[in-house]
Amino acid sequence: VITSGGSTNYANSVKGRFTISRENAKNMVYLQMNS
């Protein structure tokens, strides 16, 4: 989850591997999934 202010939180199972981000100018949210 990513808040309006950009704070993030992750499930323990994906911490360190996944990254959530947002691009407000484009109304987009992303999930980068590695490993």
All heavy atoms as atom14 arrays in JSON, in Angstrom:
{
  "sequence": "VITSGGSTNYANSVKGRFTISRENAKNMVYLQMNS",
  "atom14_mask": [
    [1, 1, 1, 1, 1, 1, 1, 0, 0, 0, 0, 0, 0, 0],
    [1, 1, 1, 1, 1, 1, 1, 1, 0, 0, 0, 0, 0, 0],
    [1, 1, 1, 1, 1, 1, 1, 0, 0, 0, 0, 0, 0, 0],
    [1, 1, 1, 1, 1, 1, 0, 0, 0, 0, 0, 0, 0, 0],
    [1, 1, 1, 1, 0, 0, 0, 0, 0, 0, 0, 0, 0, 0],
    [1, 1, 1, 1, 0, 0, 0, 0, 0, 0, 0, 0, 0, 0],
    [1, 1, 1, 1, 1, 1, 0, 0, 0, 0, 0, 0, 0, 0],
    [1, 1, 1, 1, 1, 1, 1, 0, 0, 0, 0, 0, 0, 0],
    [1, 1, 1, 1, 1, 1, 1, 1, 0, 0, 0, 0, 0, 0],
    [1, 1, 1, 1, 1, 1, 1, 1, 1, 1, 1, 1, 0, 0],
    [1, 1, 1, 1, 1, 0, 0, 0, 0, 0, 0, 0, 0, 0],
    [1, 1, 1, 1, 1, 1, 1, 1, 0, 0, 0, 0, 0, 0],
    [1, 1, 1, 1, 1, 1, 0, 0, 0, 0, 0, 0, 0, 0],
    [1, 1, 1, 1, 1, 1, 1, 0, 0, 0, 0, 0, 0, 0],
    [1, 1, 1, 1, 1, 1, 1, 1, 1, 0, 0, 0, 0, 0],
    [1, 1, 1, 1, 0, 0, 0, 0, 0, 0, 0, 0, 0, 0],
    [1, 1, 1, 1, 1, 1, 1, 1, 1, 1, 1, 0, 0, 0],
    [1, 1, 1, 1, 1, 1, 1, 1, 1, 1, 1, 0, 0, 0],
    [1, 1, 1, 1, 1, 1, 1, 0, 0, 0, 0, 0, 0, 0],
    [1, 1, 1, 1, 1, 1, 1, 1, 0, 0, 0, 0, 0, 0],
    [1, 1, 1, 1, 1, 1, 0, 0, 0, 0, 0, 0, 0, 0],
    [1, 1, 1, 1, 1, 1, 1, 1, 1, 1, 1, 0, 0, 0],
    [1, 1, 1, 1, 1, 1, 1, 1, 1, 0, 0, 0, 0, 0],
    [1, 1, 1, 1, 1, 1, 1, 1, 0, 0, 0, 0, 0, 0],
    [1, 1, 1, 1, 1, 0, 0, 0, 0, 0, 0, 0, 0, 0],
    [1, 1, 1, 1, 1, 1, 1, 1, 1, 0, 0, 0, 0, 0],
    [1, 1, 1, 1, 1, 1, 1, 1, 0, 0, 0, 0, 0, 0],
    [1, 1, 1, 1, 1, 1, 1, 1, 0, 0, 0, 0, 0, 0],
    [1, 1, 1, 1, 1, 1, 1, 0, 0, 0, 0, 0, 0, 0],
    [1, 1, 1, 1, 1, 1, 1, 1, 1, 1, 1, 1, 0, 0],
    [1, 1, 1, 1, 1, 1, 1, 1, 0, 0, 0, 0, 0, 0],
    [1, 1, 1, 1, 1, 1, 1, 1, 1, 0, 0, 0, 0, 0],
    [1, 1, 1, 1, 1, 1, 1, 1, 0, 0, 0, 0, 0, 0],
    [1, 1, 1, 1, 1, 1, 1, 1, 0, 0, 0, 0, 0, 0],
    [1, 1, 1, 1, 1, 1, 0, 0, 0, 0, 0, 0, 0, 0]
  ],
  "atom14_positions": [
    [[0.85, -1.18, 0.0], [0.0, 0.0, 0.0], [0.9, 1.24, 0.0], [1.98, 1.23, 0.59], [-0.96, 0.01, 1.2], [-0.2, 0.0, 2.52], [-1.92, 1.17, 1.14], [0.0, 0.0, 0.0], [0.0, 0.0, 0.0], [0.0, 0.0, 0.0], [0.0, 0.0, 0.0], [0.0, 0.0, 0.0], [0.0, 0.0, 0.0], [0.0, 0.0, 0.0]],
    [[0.43, 2.28, -0.67], [1.13, 3.56, -0.67], [0.11, 4.65, -0.37], [-0.95, 4.72, -1.0], [1.87, 3.8, -2.0], [2.7, 5.09, -1.94], [0.93, 3.79, -3.2], [3.71, 5.21, -3.07], [0.0, 0.0, 0.0], [0.0, 0.0, 0.0], [0.0, 0.0, 0.0], [0.0, 0.0, 0.0], [0.0, 0.0, 0.0], [0.0, 0.0, 0.0]],
    [[0.43, 5.5, 0.59], [-0.49, 6.56, 0.98], [-0.38, 7.74, 0.02], [0.5, 7.79, -0.84], [-0.19, 7.04, 2.4], [1.08, 7.71, 2.39], [-0.17, 5.9, 3.39], [0.0, 0.0, 0.0], [0.0, 0.0, 0.0], [0.0, 0.0, 0.0], [0.0, 0.0, 0.0], [0.0, 0.0, 0.0], [0.0, 0.0, 0.0], [0.0, 0.0, 0.0]],
    [[-1.26, 8.72, 0.22], [-1.21, 9.92, -0.61], [0.11, 10.67, -0.41], [0.61, 11.31, -1.33], [-2.38, 10.84, -0.28], [-2.36, 11.2, 1.09], [0.0, 0.0, 0.0], [0.0, 0.0, 0.0], [0.0, 0.0, 0.0], [0.0, 0.0, 0.0], [0.0, 0.0, 0.0], [0.0, 0.0, 0.0], [0.0, 0.0, 0.0], [0.0, 0.0, 0.0]],
    [[0.7, 10.51, 0.76], [1.98, 11.17, 1.04], [3.2, 10.37, 0.63], [4.33, 10.85, 0.79], [0.0, 0.0, 0.0], [0.0, 0.0, 0.0], [0.0, 0.0, 0.0], [0.0, 0.0, 0.0], [0.0, 0.0, 0.0], [0.0, 0.0, 0.0], [0.0, 0.0, 0.0], [0.0, 0.0, 0.0], [0.0, 0.0, 0.0], [0.0, 0.0, 0.0]],
    [[2.96, 9.17, 0.13], [4.07, 8.36, -0.36], [4.62, 7.35, 0.63], [5.56, 6.62, 0.31], [0.0, 0.0, 0.0], [0.0, 0.0, 0.0], [0.0, 0.0, 0.0], [0.0, 0.0, 0.0], [0.0, 0.0, 0.0], [0.0, 0.0, 0.0], [0.0, 0.0, 0.0], [0.0, 0.0, 0.0], [0.0, 0.0, 0.0], [0.0, 0.0, 0.0]],
    [[4.03, 7.25, 1.81], [4.45, 6.21, 2.74], [4.0, 4.85, 2.23], [2.92, 4.73, 1.65], [3.85, 6.47, 4.12], [4.32, 7.69, 4.65], [0.0, 0.0, 0.0], [0.0, 0.0, 0.0], [0.0, 0.0, 0.0], [0.0, 0.0, 0.0], [0.0, 0.0, 0.0], [0.0, 0.0, 0.0], [0.0, 0.0, 0.0], [0.0, 0.0, 0.0]],
    [[4.83, 3.85, 2.49], [4.54, 2.51, 1.96], [4.53, 1.47, 3.07], [5.15, 1.66, 4.13], [5.58, 2.11, 0.91], [6.89, 2.14, 1.49], [5.55, 3.05, -0.28], [0.0, 0.0, 0.0], [0.0, 0.0, 0.0], [0.0, 0.0, 0.0], [0.0, 0.0, 0.0], [0.0, 0.0, 0.0], [0.0, 0.0, 0.0], [0.0, 0.0, 0.0]],
    [[3.84, 0.39, 2.79], [3.84, -0.75, 3.7], [3.68, -2.01, 2.86], [3.01, -1.99, 1.82], [2.69, -0.64, 4.71], [2.94, -1.46, 5.95], [4.04, -1.97, 6.14], [1.94, -1.57, 6.8], [0.0, 0.0, 0.0], [0.0, 0.0, 0.0], [0.0, 0.0, 0.0], [0.0, 0.0, 0.0], [0.0, 0.0, 0.0], [0.0, 0.0, 0.0]],
    [[4.3, -3.09, 3.33], [4.35, -4.32, 2.55], [4.0, -5.53, 3.39], [4.26, -5.57, 4.61], [5.76, -4.53, 1.97], [6.2, -3.44, 1.03], [6.9, -2.34, 1.5], [5.93, -3.52, -0.33], [7.31, -1.33, 0.64], [6.32, -2.52, -1.2], [7.02, -1.43, -0.7], [7.42, -0.44, -1.55], [0.0, 0.0, 0.0], [0.0, 0.0, 0.0]],
    [[3.45, -6.54, 2.74], [3.31, -7.83, 3.37], [4.7, -8.39, 3.66], [5.64, -8.17, 2.89], [2.55, -8.78, 2.46], [0.0, 0.0, 0.0], [0.0, 0.0, 0.0], [0.0, 0.0, 0.0], [0.0, 0.0, 0.0], [0.0, 0.0, 0.0], [0.0, 0.0, 0.0], [0.0, 0.0, 0.0], [0.0, 0.0, 0.0], [0.0, 0.0, 0.0]],
    [[4.82, -9.11, 4.75], [6.13, -9.66, 5.12], [6.71, -10.54, 4.02], [7.92, -10.58, 3.82], [6.02, -10.46, 6.42], [5.85, -9.57, 7.63], [6.25, -8.41, 7.64], [5.22, -10.11, 8.67], [0.0, 0.0, 0.0], [0.0, 0.0, 0.0], [0.0, 0.0, 0.0], [0.0, 0.0, 0.0], [0.0, 0.0, 0.0], [0.0, 0.0, 0.0]],
    [[5.84, -11.22, 3.3], [6.29, -12.17, 2.29], [6.95, -11.49, 1.08], [7.63, -12.16, 0.3], [5.12, -13.02, 1.81], [4.08, -12.2, 1.29], [0.0, 0.0, 0.0], [0.0, 0.0, 0.0], [0.0, 0.0, 0.0], [0.0, 0.0, 0.0], [0.0, 0.0, 0.0], [0.0, 0.0, 0.0], [0.0, 0.0, 0.0], [0.0, 0.0, 0.0]],
    [[6.74, -10.19, 0.91], [7.3, -9.51, -0.26], [8.29, -8.41, 0.11], [8.9, -7.8, -0.78], [6.19, -8.92, -1.16], [5.16, -9.99, -1.52], [5.51, -7.72, -0.5], [0.0, 0.0, 0.0], [0.0, 0.0, 0.0], [0.0, 0.0, 0.0], [0.0, 0.0, 0.0], [0.0, 0.0, 0.0], [0.0, 0.0, 0.0], [0.0, 0.0, 0.0]],
    [[8.47, -8.16, 1.38], [9.4, -7.1, 1.81], [10.8, -7.36, 1.26], [11.31, -8.47, 1.32], [9.45, -7.03, 3.34], [8.33, -6.22, 3.95], [8.48, -6.15, 5.48], [7.32, -5.4, 6.09], [7.38, -5.39, 7.57], [0.0, 0.0, 0.0], [0.0, 0.0, 0.0], [0.0, 0.0, 0.0], [0.0, 0.0, 0.0], [0.0, 0.0, 0.0]],
    [[11.4, -6.3, 0.74], [12.74, -6.41, 0.18], [12.76, -6.89, -1.26], [13.82, -6.83, -1.91], [0.0, 0.0, 0.0], [0.0, 0.0, 0.0], [0.0, 0.0, 0.0], [0.0, 0.0, 0.0], [0.0, 0.0, 0.0], [0.0, 0.0, 0.0], [0.0, 0.0, 0.0], [0.0, 0.0, 0.0], [0.0, 0.0, 0.0], [0.0, 0.0, 0.0]],
    [[11.62, -7.34, -1.78], [11.57, -7.82, -3.16], [10.64, -6.96, -4.03], [10.9, -6.78, -5.23], [11.08, -9.26, -3.2], [11.97, -10.23, -2.46], [11.55, -11.69, -2.7], [10.2, -11.96, -2.23], [9.21, -12.41, -3.01], [9.41, -12.61, -4.3], [8.0, -12.65, -2.49], [0.0, 0.0, 0.0], [0.0, 0.0, 0.0], [0.0, 0.0, 0.0]],
    [[9.56, -6.48, -3.44], [8.57, -5.69, -4.19], [8.66, -4.22, -3.77], [8.95, -3.91, -2.61], [7.16, -6.17, -3.9], [6.81, -7.53, -4.46], [7.76, -8.37, -4.99], [5.49, -7.95, -4.47], [7.44, -9.6, -5.52], [5.13, -9.19, -4.98], [6.12, -10.01, -5.5], [0.0, 0.0, 0.0], [0.0, 0.0, 0.0], [0.0, 0.0, 0.0]],
    [[8.37, -3.34, -4.71], [8.34, -1.91, -4.43], [7.1, -1.3, -5.08], [6.89, -1.45, -6.28], [9.59, -1.21, -4.99], [10.76, -1.79, -4.43], [9.55, 0.28, -4.65], [0.0, 0.0, 0.0], [0.0, 0.0, 0.0], [0.0, 0.0, 0.0], [0.0, 0.0, 0.0], [0.0, 0.0, 0.0], [0.0, 0.0, 0.0], [0.0, 0.0, 0.0]],
    [[6.3, -0.63, -4.26], [5.14, 0.08, -4.77], [5.51, 1.56, -4.93], [6.24, 2.13, -4.11], [3.92, -0.08, -3.83], [2.65, 0.51, -4.46], [4.17, 0.53, -2.45], [1.37, 0.17, -3.7], [0.0, 0.0, 0.0], [0.0, 0.0, 0.0], [0.0, 0.0, 0.0], [0.0, 0.0, 0.0], [0.0, 0.0, 0.0], [0.0, 0.0, 0.0]],
    [[5.01, 2.17, -6.0], [5.27, 3.58, -6.24], [4.07, 4.18, -6.96], [3.21, 3.45, -7.47], [6.55, 3.77, -7.06], [6.43, 3.15, -8.32], [0.0, 0.0, 0.0], [0.0, 0.0, 0.0], [0.0, 0.0, 0.0], [0.0, 0.0, 0.0], [0.0, 0.0, 0.0], [0.0, 0.0, 0.0], [0.0, 0.0, 0.0], [0.0, 0.0, 0.0]],
    [[4.03, 5.5, -6.98], [2.92, 6.17, -7.65], [3.44, 7.38, -8.41], [4.46, 7.96, -8.05], [1.86, 6.6, -6.63], [2.3, 7.61, -5.61], [1.26, 7.76, -4.5], [0.0, 8.27, -5.03], [-1.19, 8.1, -4.42], [-1.26, 7.42, -3.28], [-2.28, 8.61, -4.96], [0.0, 0.0, 0.0], [0.0, 0.0, 0.0], [0.0, 0.0, 0.0]],
    [[2.7, 7.73, -9.45], [3.02, 8.88, -10.27], [1.74, 9.71, -10.4], [0.9, 9.45, -11.27], [3.53, 8.42, -11.64], [4.19, 9.49, -12.45], [4.87, 8.91, -13.7], [4.79, 7.69, -13.95], [5.47, 9.71, -14.43], [0.0, 0.0, 0.0], [0.0, 0.0, 0.0], [0.0, 0.0, 0.0], [0.0, 0.0, 0.0], [0.0, 0.0, 0.0]],
    [[1.6, 10.68, -9.51], [0.34, 11.41, -9.41], [0.0, 12.17, -10.69], [-1.17, 12.3, -11.06], [0.36, 12.37, -8.23], [0.29, 11.64, -6.89], [-0.12, 10.48, -6.83], [0.69, 12.33, -5.84], [0.0, 0.0, 0.0], [0.0, 0.0, 0.0], [0.0, 0.0, 0.0], [0.0, 0.0, 0.0], [0.0, 0.0, 0.0], [0.0, 0.0, 0.0]],
    [[1.02, 12.66, -11.38], [0.77, 13.43, -12.6], [0.11, 12.59, -13.69], [-0.56, 13.13, -14.58], [2.07, 14.03, -13.11], [0.0, 0.0, 0.0], [0.0, 0.0, 0.0], [0.0, 0.0, 0.0], [0.0, 0.0, 0.0], [0.0, 0.0, 0.0], [0.0, 0.0, 0.0], [0.0, 0.0, 0.0], [0.0, 0.0, 0.0], [0.0, 0.0, 0.0]],
    [[0.3, 11.27, -13.59], [-0.27, 10.37, -14.61], [-1.37, 9.48, -14.06], [-1.87, 8.61, -14.77], [0.84, 9.5, -15.2], [1.89, 10.27, -15.98], [2.88, 9.33, -16.62], [3.9, 10.1, -17.47], [4.87, 9.19, -18.13], [0.0, 0.0, 0.0], [0.0, 0.0, 0.0], [0.0, 0.0, 0.0], [0.0, 0.0, 0.0], [0.0, 0.0, 0.0]],
    [[-1.74, 9.68, -12.79], [-2.75, 8.83, -12.15], [-2.38, 7.35, -12.25], [-3.22, 6.5, -12.58], [-4.14, 9.06, -12.77], [-4.77, 10.36, -12.31], [-4.1, 11.22, -11.73], [-6.04, 10.53, -12.58], [0.0, 0.0, 0.0], [0.0, 0.0, 0.0], [0.0, 0.0, 0.0], [0.0, 0.0, 0.0], [0.0, 0.0, 0.0], [0.0, 0.0, 0.0]],
    [[-1.12, 7.06, -11.97], [-0.62, 5.69, -12.1], [-0.03, 5.2, -10.79], [0.58, 5.97, -10.04], [0.46, 5.62, -13.18], [0.0, 5.95, -14.58], [-1.06, 4.67, -15.3], [0.08, 3.31, -15.42], [0.0, 0.0, 0.0], [0.0, 0.0, 0.0], [0.0, 0.0, 0.0], [0.0, 0.0, 0.0], [0.0, 0.0, 0.0], [0.0, 0.0, 0.0]],
    [[-0.19, 3.92, -10.54], [0.5, 3.26, -9.44], [1.17, 2.01, -10.01], [0.64, 1.38, -10.92], [-0.45, 2.93, -8.27], [-1.55, 1.97, -8.7], [0.31, 2.39, -7.09], [0.0, 0.0, 0.0], [0.0, 0.0, 0.0], [0.0, 0.0, 0.0], [0.0, 0.0, 0.0], [0.0, 0.0, 0.0], [0.0, 0.0, 0.0], [0.0, 0.0, 0.0]],
    [[2.33, 1.69, -9.46], [3.14, 0.59, -9.99], [3.52, -0.39, -8.89], [3.56, -0.03, -7.71], [4.43, 1.15, -10.62], [4.2, 2.23, -11.63], [4.35, 3.57, -11.29], [3.83, 1.92, -12.94], [4.16, 4.57, -12.22], [3.62, 2.93, -13.87], [3.77, 4.24, -13.5], [3.56, 5.24, -14.43], [0.0, 0.0, 0.0], [0.0, 0.0, 0.0]],
    [[3.81, -1.6, -9.3], [4.37, -2.6, -8.39], [5.53, -3.26, -9.1], [5.33, -4.04, -10.03], [3.32, -3.64, -7.98], [3.79, -4.63, -6.91], [4.0, -3.91, -5.58], [2.79, -5.77, -6.74], [0.0, 0.0, 0.0], [0.0, 0.0, 0.0], [0.0, 0.0, 0.0], [0.0, 0.0, 0.0], [0.0, 0.0, 0.0], [0.0, 0.0, 0.0]],
    [[6.74, -2.92, -8.66], [7.94, -3.55, -9.19], [8.19, -4.82, -8.37], [8.35, -4.74, -7.14], [9.14, -2.61, -9.07], [10.44, -3.21, -9.56], [10.46, -3.45, -11.06], [9.99, -2.62, -11.83], [11.0, -4.59, -11.47], [0.0, 0.0, 0.0], [0.0, 0.0, 0.0], [0.0, 0.0, 0.0], [0.0, 0.0, 0.0], [0.0, 0.0, 0.0]],
    [[8.22, -5.95, -9.04], [8.37, -7.23, -8.37], [9.66, -7.87, -8.84], [9.8, -8.23, -10.02], [7.18, -8.14, -8.7], [5.83, -7.51, -8.39], [4.45, -8.64, -8.62], [4.55, -8.93, -10.37], [0.0, 0.0, 0.0], [0.0, 0.0, 0.0], [0.0, 0.0, 0.0], [0.0, 0.0, 0.0], [0.0, 0.0, 0.0], [0.0, 0.0, 0.0]],
    [[10.62, -8.03, -7.91], [11.91, -8.64, -8.21], [12.05, -9.96, -7.46], [11.3, -10.24, -6.52], [13.04, -7.69, -7.81], [13.01, -6.38, -8.57], [12.56, -6.32, -9.72], [13.49, -5.32, -7.94], [0.0, 0.0, 0.0], [0.0, 0.0, 0.0], [0.0, 0.0, 0.0], [0.0, 0.0, 0.0], [0.0, 0.0, 0.0], [0.0, 0.0, 0.0]],
    [[13.02, -10.73, -7.87], [13.3, -12.02, -7.23], [12.02, -12.83, -7.04], [11.74, -13.34, -5.95], [13.99, -11.8, -5.88], [15.18, -11.07, -6.03], [0.0, 0.0, 0.0], [0.0, 0.0, 0.0], [0.0, 0.0, 0.0], [0.0, 0.0, 0.0], [0.0, 0.0, 0.0], [0.0, 0.0, 0.0], [0.0, 0.0, 0.0], [0.0, 0.0, 0.0]]
  ]
}
